[in-house]
Amino acid sequence: MKYTRITLRIPEPLHDKLSREAEVSSKSMNAEIVGRLQQTFQAEEAGAECNQLRGFGGLESTRYYQKSHENLQAKLDEVLKLLKNKNTI
């Protein structure tokens, strides 16, 4: 993996928090910041996946597919009834 060097200005209280967390987890300040940034992207991706799944599996979607199934079943029943009436089955 290739790295890029940047200069970062952050508020002093945030620097203090990051410094303490890096020390507690035995990481460098850089590793702490990179790890936290990566976690935010992973969380966003997971959230996007959940939203996508929610769209396919949500209550509204379930009702839509149930209604579609009922309509299709009703049409199939009509066709079968017509065919039976014509003695083709």
PDB file of N, CA and C in Angstrom:
ATOM      1  N   MET A   1       0.849  -1.164   0.000  1.00  0.00           N
ATOM      2  CA  MET A   1       0.000   0.000   0.000  1.00  0.00           C
ATOM      3  C   MET A   1       0.899   1.233   0.000  1.00  0.00           C
ATOM      4  N   LYS A   2       0.571   2.191  -0.829  1.00  0.00           N
ATOM      5  CA  LYS A   2       1.339   3.420  -0.920  1.00  0.00           C
ATOM      6  C   LYS A   2       0.699   4.480  -0.011  1.00  0.00           C
ATOM      7  N   TYR A   3       1.528   5.221   0.685  1.00  0.00           N
ATOM      8  CA  TYR A   3       1.047   6.242   1.608  1.00  0.00           C
ATOM      9  C   TYR A   3       1.387   7.629   1.086  1.00  0.00           C
ATOM     10  N   THR A   4       0.567   8.602   1.457  1.00  0.00           N
ATOM     11  CA  THR A   4       0.785   9.999   1.121  1.00  0.00           C
ATOM     12  C   THR A   4       0.933  10.783   2.411  1.00  0.00           C
ATOM     13  N   ARG A   5       1.921  11.627   2.469  1.00  0.00           N
ATOM     14  CA  ARG A   5       2.152  12.459   3.650  1.00  0.00           C
ATOM     15  C   ARG A   5       1.290  13.713   3.532  1.00  0.00           C
ATOM     16  N   ILE A   6       0.611  14.062   4.632  1.00  0.00           N
ATOM     17  CA  ILE A   6      -0.200  15.284   4.658  1.00  0.00           C
ATOM     18  C   ILE A   6       0.118  16.072   5.929  1.00  0.00           C
ATOM     19  N   THR A   7      -0.209  17.342   5.891  1.00  0.00           N
ATOM     20  CA  THR A   7      -0.145  18.175   7.087  1.00  0.00           C
ATOM     21  C   THR A   7      -1.589  18.361   7.545  1.00  0.00           C
ATOM     22  N   LEU A   8      -1.821  18.136   8.796  1.00  0.00           N
ATOM     23  CA  LEU A   8      -3.187  18.164   9.320  1.00  0.00           C
ATOM     24  C   LEU A   8      -3.273  19.120  10.495  1.00  0.00           C
ATOM     25  N   ARG A   9      -4.224  20.011  10.436  1.00  0.00           N
ATOM     26  CA  ARG A   9      -4.481  20.903  11.569  1.00  0.00           C
ATOM     27  C   ARG A   9      -5.756  20.440  12.249  1.00  0.00           C
ATOM     28  N   ILE A  10      -5.656  20.149  13.522  1.00  0.00           N
ATOM     29  CA  ILE A  10      -6.828  19.731  14.283  1.00  0.00           C
ATOM     30  C   ILE A  10      -6.871  20.504  15.599  1.00  0.00           C
ATOM     31  N   PRO A  11      -8.067  20.655  16.169  1.00  0.00           N
ATOM     32  CA  PRO A  11      -8.179  21.344  17.448  1.00  0.00           C
ATOM     33  C   PRO A  11      -7.374  20.609  18.529  1.00  0.00           C
ATOM     34  N   GLU A  12      -6.819  21.368  19.421  1.00  0.00           N
ATOM     35  CA  GLU A  12      -5.966  20.796  20.472  1.00  0.00           C
ATOM     36  C   GLU A  12      -6.687  19.746  21.319  1.00  0.00           C
ATOM     37  N   PRO A  13      -7.949  19.988  21.713  1.00  0.00           N
ATOM     38  CA  PRO A  13      -8.637  18.948  22.504  1.00  0.00           C
ATOM     39  C   PRO A  13      -8.778  17.624  21.738  1.00  0.00           C
ATOM     40  N   LEU A  14      -8.994  17.705  20.431  1.00  0.00           N
ATOM     41  CA  LEU A  14      -9.089  16.491  19.623  1.00  0.00           C
ATOM     42  C   LEU A  14      -7.726  15.805  19.548  1.00  0.00           C
ATOM     43  N   HIS A  15      -6.685  16.571  19.395  1.00  0.00           N
ATOM     44  CA  HIS A  15      -5.321  16.037  19.387  1.00  0.00           C
ATOM     45  C   HIS A  15      -5.042  15.308  20.697  1.00  0.00           C
ATOM     46  N   ASP A  16      -5.449  15.907  21.804  1.00  0.00           N
ATOM     47  CA  ASP A  16      -5.237  15.278  23.113  1.00  0.00           C
ATOM     48  C   ASP A  16      -5.967  13.939  23.216  1.00  0.00           C
ATOM     49  N   LYS A  17      -7.218  13.911  22.746  1.00  0.00           N
ATOM     50  CA  LYS A  17      -7.994  12.659  22.777  1.00  0.00           C
ATOM     51  C   LYS A  17      -7.322  11.582  21.933  1.00  0.00           C
ATOM     52  N   LEU A  18      -6.937  11.964  20.705  1.00  0.00           N
ATOM     53  CA  LEU A  18      -6.290  10.994  19.813  1.00  0.00           C
ATOM     54  C   LEU A  18      -4.982  10.496  20.410  1.00  0.00           C
ATOM     55  N   SER A  19      -4.239  11.395  20.998  1.00  0.00           N
ATOM     56  CA  SER A  19      -2.968  11.031  21.612  1.00  0.00           C
ATOM     57  C   SER A  19      -3.172  10.034  22.750  1.00  0.00           C
ATOM     58  N   ARG A  20      -4.165  10.292  23.602  1.00  0.00           N
ATOM     59  CA  ARG A  20      -4.462   9.373  24.717  1.00  0.00           C
ATOM     60  C   ARG A  20      -4.893   8.013  24.195  1.00  0.00           C
ATOM     61  N   GLU A  21      -5.785   8.002  23.208  1.00  0.00           N
ATOM     62  CA  GLU A  21      -6.264   6.727  22.654  1.00  0.00           C
ATOM     63  C   GLU A  21      -5.141   5.950  21.987  1.00  0.00           C
ATOM     64  N   ALA A  22      -4.263   6.648  21.292  1.00  0.00           N
ATOM     65  CA  ALA A  22      -3.125   5.978  20.653  1.00  0.00           C
ATOM     66  C   ALA A  22      -2.229   5.343  21.708  1.00  0.00           C
ATOM     67  N   GLU A  23      -2.026   6.054  22.793  1.00  0.00           N
ATOM     68  CA  GLU A  23      -1.183   5.525  23.874  1.00  0.00           C
ATOM     69  C   GLU A  23      -1.830   4.306  24.529  1.00  0.00           C
ATOM     70  N   VAL A  24      -3.120   4.399  24.784  1.00  0.00           N
ATOM     71  CA  VAL A  24      -3.844   3.288  25.421  1.00  0.00           C
ATOM     72  C   VAL A  24      -3.801   2.036  24.546  1.00  0.00           C
ATOM     73  N   SER A  25      -3.922   2.218  23.247  1.00  0.00           N
ATOM     74  CA  SER A  25      -3.952   1.063  22.344  1.00  0.00           C
ATOM     75  C   SER A  25      -2.567   0.712  21.795  1.00  0.00           C
ATOM     76  N   SER A  26      -1.557   1.363  22.309  1.00  0.00           N
ATOM     77  CA  SER A  26      -0.168   1.121  21.882  1.00  0.00           C
ATOM     78  C   SER A  26       0.024   1.306  20.382  1.00  0.00           C
ATOM     79  N   LYS A  27      -0.567   2.356  19.849  1.00  0.00           N
ATOM     80  CA  LYS A  27      -0.436   2.682  18.432  1.00  0.00           C
ATOM     81  C   LYS A  27       0.257   4.034  18.308  1.00  0.00           C
ATOM     82  N   SER A  28       0.769   4.285  17.115  1.00  0.00           N
ATOM     83  CA  SER A  28       1.266   5.622  16.831  1.00  0.00           C
ATOM     84  C   SER A  28       0.062   6.534  16.615  1.00  0.00           C
ATOM     85  N   MET A  29       0.292   7.817  16.714  1.00  0.00           N
ATOM     86  CA  MET A  29      -0.790   8.772  16.453  1.00  0.00           C
ATOM     87  C   MET A  29      -1.302   8.579  15.026  1.00  0.00           C
ATOM     88  N   ASN A  30      -0.408   8.374  14.084  1.00  0.00           N
ATOM     89  CA  ASN A  30      -0.792   8.163  12.697  1.00  0.00           C
ATOM     90  C   ASN A  30      -1.693   6.930  12.557  1.00  0.00           C
ATOM     91  N   ALA A  31      -1.297   5.819  13.168  1.00  0.00           N
ATOM     92  CA  ALA A  31      -2.095   4.586  13.084  1.00  0.00           C
ATOM     93  C   ALA A  31      -3.476   4.788  13.703  1.00  0.00           C
ATOM     94  N   GLU A  32      -3.540   5.530  14.796  1.00  0.00           N
ATOM     95  CA  GLU A  32      -4.831   5.805  15.441  1.00  0.00           C
ATOM     96  C   GLU A  32      -5.745   6.599  14.515  1.00  0.00           C
ATOM     97  N   ILE A  33      -5.203   7.630  13.901  1.00  0.00           N
ATOM     98  CA  ILE A  33      -6.012   8.477  13.005  1.00  0.00           C
ATOM     99  C   ILE A  33      -6.453   7.680  11.774  1.00  0.00           C
ATOM    100  N   VAL A  34      -5.525   6.956  11.147  1.00  0.00           N
ATOM    101  CA  VAL A  34      -5.857   6.167   9.955  1.00  0.00           C
ATOM    102  C   VAL A  34      -6.910   5.115  10.293  1.00  0.00           C
ATOM    103  N   GLY A  35      -6.736   4.430  11.417  1.00  0.00           N
ATOM    104  CA  GLY A  35      -7.708   3.414  11.829  1.00  0.00           C
ATOM    105  C   GLY A  35      -9.096   3.988  12.037  1.00  0.00           C
ATOM    106  N   ARG A  36      -9.154   5.139  12.669  1.00  0.00           N
ATOM    107  CA  ARG A  36     -10.459   5.765  12.902  1.00  0.00           C
ATOM    108  C   ARG A  36     -11.106   6.235  11.604  1.00  0.00           C
ATOM    109  N   LEU A  37     -10.312   6.762  10.692  1.00  0.00           N
ATOM    110  CA  LEU A  37     -10.859   7.164   9.394  1.00  0.00           C
ATOM    111  C   LEU A  37     -11.385   5.951   8.624  1.00  0.00           C
ATOM    112  N   GLN A  38     -10.621   4.864   8.635  1.00  0.00           N
ATOM    113  CA  GLN A  38     -11.069   3.654   7.938  1.00  0.00           C
ATOM    114  C   GLN A  38     -12.381   3.141   8.532  1.00  0.00           C
ATOM    115  N   GLN A  39     -12.515   3.206   9.848  1.00  0.00           N
ATOM    116  CA  GLN A  39     -13.754   2.753  10.497  1.00  0.00           C
ATOM    117  C   GLN A  39     -14.953   3.572  10.038  1.00  0.00           C
ATOM    118  N   THR A  40     -14.774   4.874   9.828  1.00  0.00           N
ATOM    119  CA  THR A  40     -15.910   5.694   9.386  1.00  0.00           C
ATOM    120  C   THR A  40     -16.370   5.277   7.999  1.00  0.00           C
ATOM    121  N   PHE A  41     -15.420   4.958   7.108  1.00  0.00           N
ATOM    122  CA  PHE A  41     -15.802   4.519   5.773  1.00  0.00           C
ATOM    123  C   PHE A  41     -16.473   3.150   5.816  1.00  0.00           C
ATOM    124  N   GLN A  42     -15.962   2.252   6.650  1.00  0.00           N
ATOM    125  CA  GLN A  42     -16.582   0.934   6.788  1.00  0.00           C
ATOM    126  C   GLN A  42     -17.998   1.064   7.342  1.00  0.00           C
ATOM    127  N   ALA A  43     -18.179   1.956   8.296  1.00  0.00           N
ATOM    128  CA  ALA A  43     -19.513   2.165   8.877  1.00  0.00           C
ATOM    129  C   ALA A  43     -20.472   2.727   7.828  1.00  0.00           C
ATOM    130  N   GLU A  44     -19.987   3.659   7.019  1.00  0.00           N
ATOM    131  CA  GLU A  44     -20.827   4.211   5.951  1.00  0.00           C
ATOM    132  C   GLU A  44     -21.228   3.137   4.950  1.00  0.00           C
ATOM    133  N   GLU A  45     -20.269   2.297   4.579  1.00  0.00           N
ATOM    134  CA  GLU A  45     -20.559   1.222   3.629  1.00  0.00           C
ATOM    135  C   GLU A  45     -21.559   0.237   4.212  1.00  0.00           C
ATOM    136  N   ALA A  46     -21.391  -0.098   5.480  1.00  0.00           N
ATOM    137  CA  ALA A  46     -22.327  -1.018   6.137  1.00  0.00           C
ATOM    138  C   ALA A  46     -23.711  -0.391   6.214  1.00  0.00           C
ATOM    139  N   GLY A  47     -23.758   0.897   6.507  1.00  0.00           N
ATOM    140  CA  GLY A  47     -25.046   1.596   6.551  1.00  0.00           C
ATOM    141  C   GLY A  47     -25.724   1.613   5.201  1.00  0.00           C
ATOM    142  N   ALA A  48     -24.951   1.810   4.154  1.00  0.00           N
ATOM    143  CA  ALA A  48     -25.510   1.815   2.802  1.00  0.00           C
ATOM    144  C   ALA A  48     -26.064   0.437   2.457  1.00  0.00           C
ATOM    145  N   GLU A  49     -25.336  -0.614   2.844  1.00  0.00           N
ATOM    146  CA  GLU A  49     -25.820  -1.976   2.596  1.00  0.00           C
ATOM    147  C   GLU A  49     -27.122  -2.231   3.343  1.00  0.00           C
ATOM    148  N   CYS A  50     -27.196  -1.777   4.587  1.00  0.00           N
ATOM    149  CA  CYS A  50     -28.423  -1.962   5.375  1.00  0.00           C
ATOM    150  C   CYS A  50     -29.587  -1.239   4.731  1.00  0.00           C
ATOM    151  N   ASN A  51     -29.349  -0.025   4.268  1.00  0.00           N
ATOM    152  CA  ASN A  51     -30.417   0.733   3.615  1.00  0.00           C
ATOM    153  C   ASN A  51     -30.871   0.042   2.349  1.00  0.00           C
ATOM    154  N   GLN A  52     -29.919  -0.513   1.607  1.00  0.00           N
ATOM    155  CA  GLN A  52     -30.264  -1.228   0.388  1.00  0.00           C
ATOM    156  C   GLN A  52     -31.081  -2.471   0.714  1.00  0.00           C
ATOM    157  N   LEU A  53     -30.657  -3.218   1.711  1.00  0.00           N
ATOM    158  CA  LEU A  53     -31.405  -4.411   2.115  1.00  0.00           C
ATOM    159  C   LEU A  53     -32.770  -4.051   2.661  1.00  0.00           C
ATOM    160  N   ARG A  54     -32.844  -2.964   3.401  1.00  0.00           N
ATOM    161  CA  ARG A  54     -34.112  -2.506   3.952  1.00  0.00           C
ATOM    162  C   ARG A  54     -35.097  -2.226   2.827  1.00  0.00           C
ATOM    163  N   GLY A  55     -34.594  -1.689   1.715  1.00  0.00           N
ATOM    164  CA  GLY A  55     -35.455  -1.403   0.566  1.00  0.00           C
ATOM    165  C   GLY A  55     -36.038  -2.665  -0.032  1.00  0.00           C
ATOM    166  N   PHE A  56     -35.272  -3.764   0.011  1.00  0.00           N
ATOM    167  CA  PHE A  56     -35.755  -5.020  -0.554  1.00  0.00           C
ATOM    168  C   PHE A  56     -36.565  -5.830   0.449  1.00  0.00           C
ATOM    169  N   GLY A  57     -36.324  -5.632   1.724  1.00  0.00           N
ATOM    170  CA  GLY A  57     -36.963  -6.469   2.710  1.00  0.00           C
ATOM    171  C   GLY A  57     -37.891  -5.740   3.646  1.00  0.00           C
ATOM    172  N   GLY A  58     -38.116  -4.472   3.410  1.00  0.00           N
ATOM    173  CA  GLY A  58     -38.949  -3.683   4.301  1.00  0.00           C
ATOM    174  C   GLY A  58     -40.414  -4.055   4.202  1.00  0.00           C
ATOM    175  N   LEU A  59     -41.187  -3.526   5.106  1.00  0.00           N
ATOM    176  CA  LEU A  59     -42.614  -3.834   5.170  1.00  0.00           C
ATOM    177  C   LEU A  59     -43.342  -3.428   3.895  1.00  0.00           C
ATOM    178  N   GLU A  60     -43.043  -2.232   3.379  1.00  0.00           N
ATOM    179  CA  GLU A  60     -43.704  -1.782   2.155  1.00  0.00           C
ATOM    180  C   GLU A  60     -43.384  -2.719   0.990  1.00  0.00           C
ATOM    181  N   SER A  61     -42.144  -3.125   0.909  1.00  0.00           N
ATOM    182  CA  SER A  61     -41.728  -4.028  -0.154  1.00  0.00           C
ATOM    183  C   SER A  61     -42.444  -5.373  -0.013  1.00  0.00           C
ATOM    184  N   THR A  62     -42.536  -5.864   1.208  1.00  0.00           N
ATOM    185  CA  THR A  62     -43.212  -7.139   1.459  1.00  0.00           C
ATOM    186  C   THR A  62     -44.676  -7.053   1.063  1.00  0.00           C
ATOM    187  N   ARG A  63     -45.338  -5.957   1.404  1.00  0.00           N
ATOM    188  CA  ARG A  63     -46.746  -5.770   1.018  1.00  0.00           C
ATOM    189  C   ARG A  63     -46.901  -5.720  -0.496  1.00  0.00           C
ATOM    190  N   TYR A  64     -45.971  -5.030  -1.164  1.00  0.00           N
ATOM    191  CA  TYR A  64     -46.019  -4.921  -2.618  1.00  0.00           C
ATOM    192  C   TYR A  64     -45.936  -6.306  -3.253  1.00  0.00           C
ATOM    193  N   TYR A  65     -44.960  -7.108  -2.815  1.00  0.00           N
ATOM    194  CA  TYR A  65     -44.786  -8.435  -3.400  1.00  0.00           C
ATOM    195  C   TYR A  65     -45.939  -9.365  -3.050  1.00  0.00           C
ATOM    196  N   GLN A  66     -46.501  -9.215  -1.868  1.00  0.00           N
ATOM    197  CA  GLN A  66     -47.659 -10.023  -1.480  1.00  0.00           C
ATOM    198  C   GLN A  66     -48.855  -9.693  -2.381  1.00  0.00           C
ATOM    199  N   LYS A  67     -49.077  -8.398  -2.608  1.00  0.00           N
ATOM    200  CA  LYS A  67     -50.193  -7.979  -3.459  1.00  0.00           C
ATOM    201  C   LYS A  67     -49.974  -8.448  -4.893  1.00  0.00           C
ATOM    202  N   SER A  68     -48.749  -8.342  -5.377  1.00  0.00           N
ATOM    203  CA  SER A  68     -48.432  -8.808  -6.739  1.00  0.00           C
ATOM    204  C   SER A  68     -48.693 -10.304  -6.864  1.00  0.00           C
ATOM    205  N   HIS A  69     -48.286 -11.049  -5.820  1.00  0.00           N
ATOM    206  CA  HIS A  69     -48.517 -12.498  -5.821  1.00  0.00           C
ATOM    207  C   HIS A  69     -50.021 -12.800  -5.851  1.00  0.00           C
ATOM    208  N   GLU A  70     -50.781 -12.079  -5.053  1.00  0.00           N
ATOM    209  CA  GLU A  70     -52.239 -12.301  -5.009  1.00  0.00           C
ATOM    210  C   GLU A  70     -52.870 -11.999  -6.359  1.00  0.00           C
ATOM    211  N   ASN A  71     -52.443 -10.904  -6.989  1.00  0.00           N
ATOM    212  CA  ASN A  71     -52.987 -10.550  -8.310  1.00  0.00           C
ATOM    213  C   ASN A  71     -52.637 -11.603  -9.352  1.00  0.00           C
ATOM    214  N   LEU A  72     -51.422 -12.073  -9.328  1.00  0.00           N
ATOM    215  CA  LEU A  72     -50.987 -13.106 -10.266  1.00  0.00           C
ATOM    216  C   LEU A  72     -51.752 -14.404 -10.036  1.00  0.00           C
ATOM    217  N   GLN A  73     -51.956 -14.753  -8.776  1.00  0.00           N
ATOM    218  CA  GLN A  73     -52.702 -15.970  -8.448  1.00  0.00           C
ATOM    219  C   GLN A  73     -54.153 -15.856  -8.932  1.00  0.00           C
ATOM    220  N   ALA A  74     -54.757 -14.705  -8.772  1.00  0.00           N
ATOM    221  CA  ALA A  74     -56.138 -14.496  -9.211  1.00  0.00           C
ATOM    222  C   ALA A  74     -56.239 -14.636 -10.733  1.00  0.00           C
ATOM    223  N   LYS A  75     -55.300 -14.080 -11.446  1.00  0.00           N
ATOM    224  CA  LYS A  75     -55.310 -14.191 -12.915  1.00  0.00           C
ATOM    225  C   LYS A  75     -55.105 -15.635 -13.349  1.00  0.00           C
ATOM    226  N   LEU A  76     -54.210 -16.337 -12.691  1.00  0.00           N
ATOM    227  CA  LEU A  76     -53.982 -17.742 -12.998  1.00  0.00           C
ATOM    228  C   LEU A  76     -55.246 -18.560 -12.733  1.00  0.00           C
ATOM    229  N   ASP A  77     -55.921 -18.282 -11.650  1.00  0.00           N
ATOM    230  CA  ASP A  77     -57.183 -18.977 -11.338  1.00  0.00           C
ATOM    231  C   ASP A  77     -58.225 -18.732 -12.424  1.00  0.00           C
ATOM    232  N   GLU A  78     -58.297 -17.496 -12.937  1.00  0.00           N
ATOM    233  CA  GLU A  78     -59.242 -17.172 -14.009  1.00  0.00           C
ATOM    234  C   GLU A  78     -58.929 -17.968 -15.275  1.00  0.00           C
ATOM    235  N   VAL A  79     -57.661 -18.035 -15.621  1.00  0.00           N
ATOM    236  CA  VAL A  79     -57.253 -18.774 -16.821  1.00  0.00           C
ATOM    237  C   VAL A  79     -57.588 -20.249 -16.657  1.00  0.00           C
ATOM    238  N   LEU A  80     -57.285 -20.821 -15.502  1.00  0.00           N
ATOM    239  CA  LEU A  80     -57.602 -22.232 -15.266  1.00  0.00           C
ATOM    240  C   LEU A  80     -59.099 -22.496 -15.333  1.00  0.00           C
ATOM    241  N   LYS A  81     -59.880 -21.587 -14.794  1.00  0.00           N
ATOM    242  CA  LYS A  81     -61.346 -21.730 -14.832  1.00  0.00           C
ATOM    243  C   LYS A  81     -61.852 -21.705 -16.277  1.00  0.00           C
ATOM    244  N   LEU A  82     -61.331 -20.786 -17.081  1.00  0.00           N
ATOM    245  CA  LEU A  82     -61.724 -20.703 -18.494  1.00  0.00           C
ATOM    246  C   LEU A  82     -61.356 -21.979 -19.228  1.00  0.00           C
ATOM    247  N   LEU A  83     -60.167 -22.468 -18.959  1.00  0.00           N
ATOM    248  CA  LEU A  83     -59.729 -23.701 -19.632  1.00  0.00           C
ATOM    249  C   LEU A  83     -60.588 -24.892 -19.228  1.00  0.00           C
ATOM    250  N   LYS A  84     -60.948 -24.970 -17.959  1.00  0.00           N
ATOM    251  CA  LYS A  84     -61.800 -26.082 -17.496  1.00  0.00           C
ATOM    252  C   LYS A  84     -63.171 -25.987 -18.153  1.00  0.00           C
ATOM    253  N   ASN A  85     -63.688 -24.775 -18.276  1.00  0.00           N
ATOM    254  CA  ASN A  85     -64.995 -24.577 -18.905  1.00  0.00           C
ATOM    255  C   ASN A  85     -64.993 -24.993 -20.372  1.00  0.00           C
ATOM    256  N   LYS A  86     -63.842 -24.903 -21.006  1.00  0.00           N
ATOM    257  CA  LYS A  86     -63.719 -25.291 -22.407  1.00  0.00           C
ATOM    258  C   LYS A  86     -63.303 -26.766 -22.545  1.00  0.00           C
ATOM    259  N   ASN A  87     -63.200 -27.435 -21.391  1.00  0.00           N
ATOM    260  CA  ASN A  87     -62.825 -28.849 -21.355  1.00  0.00           C
ATOM    261  C   ASN A  87     -61.473 -29.128 -22.017  1.00  0.00           C
ATOM    262  N   THR A  88     -60.568 -28.217 -21.873  1.00  0.00           N
ATOM    263  CA  THR A  88     -59.259 -28.453 -22.464  1.00  0.00           C
ATOM    264  C   THR A  88     -58.285 -29.012 -21.449  1.00  0.00           C
ATOM    265  N   ILE A  89     -58.685 -29.043 -20.196  1.00  0.00           N
ATOM    266  CA  ILE A  89     -57.832 -29.642 -19.175  1.00  0.00           C
ATOM    267  C   ILE A  89     -58.421 -30.972 -18.774  1.00  0.00           C
TER     268      ILE A  89
END
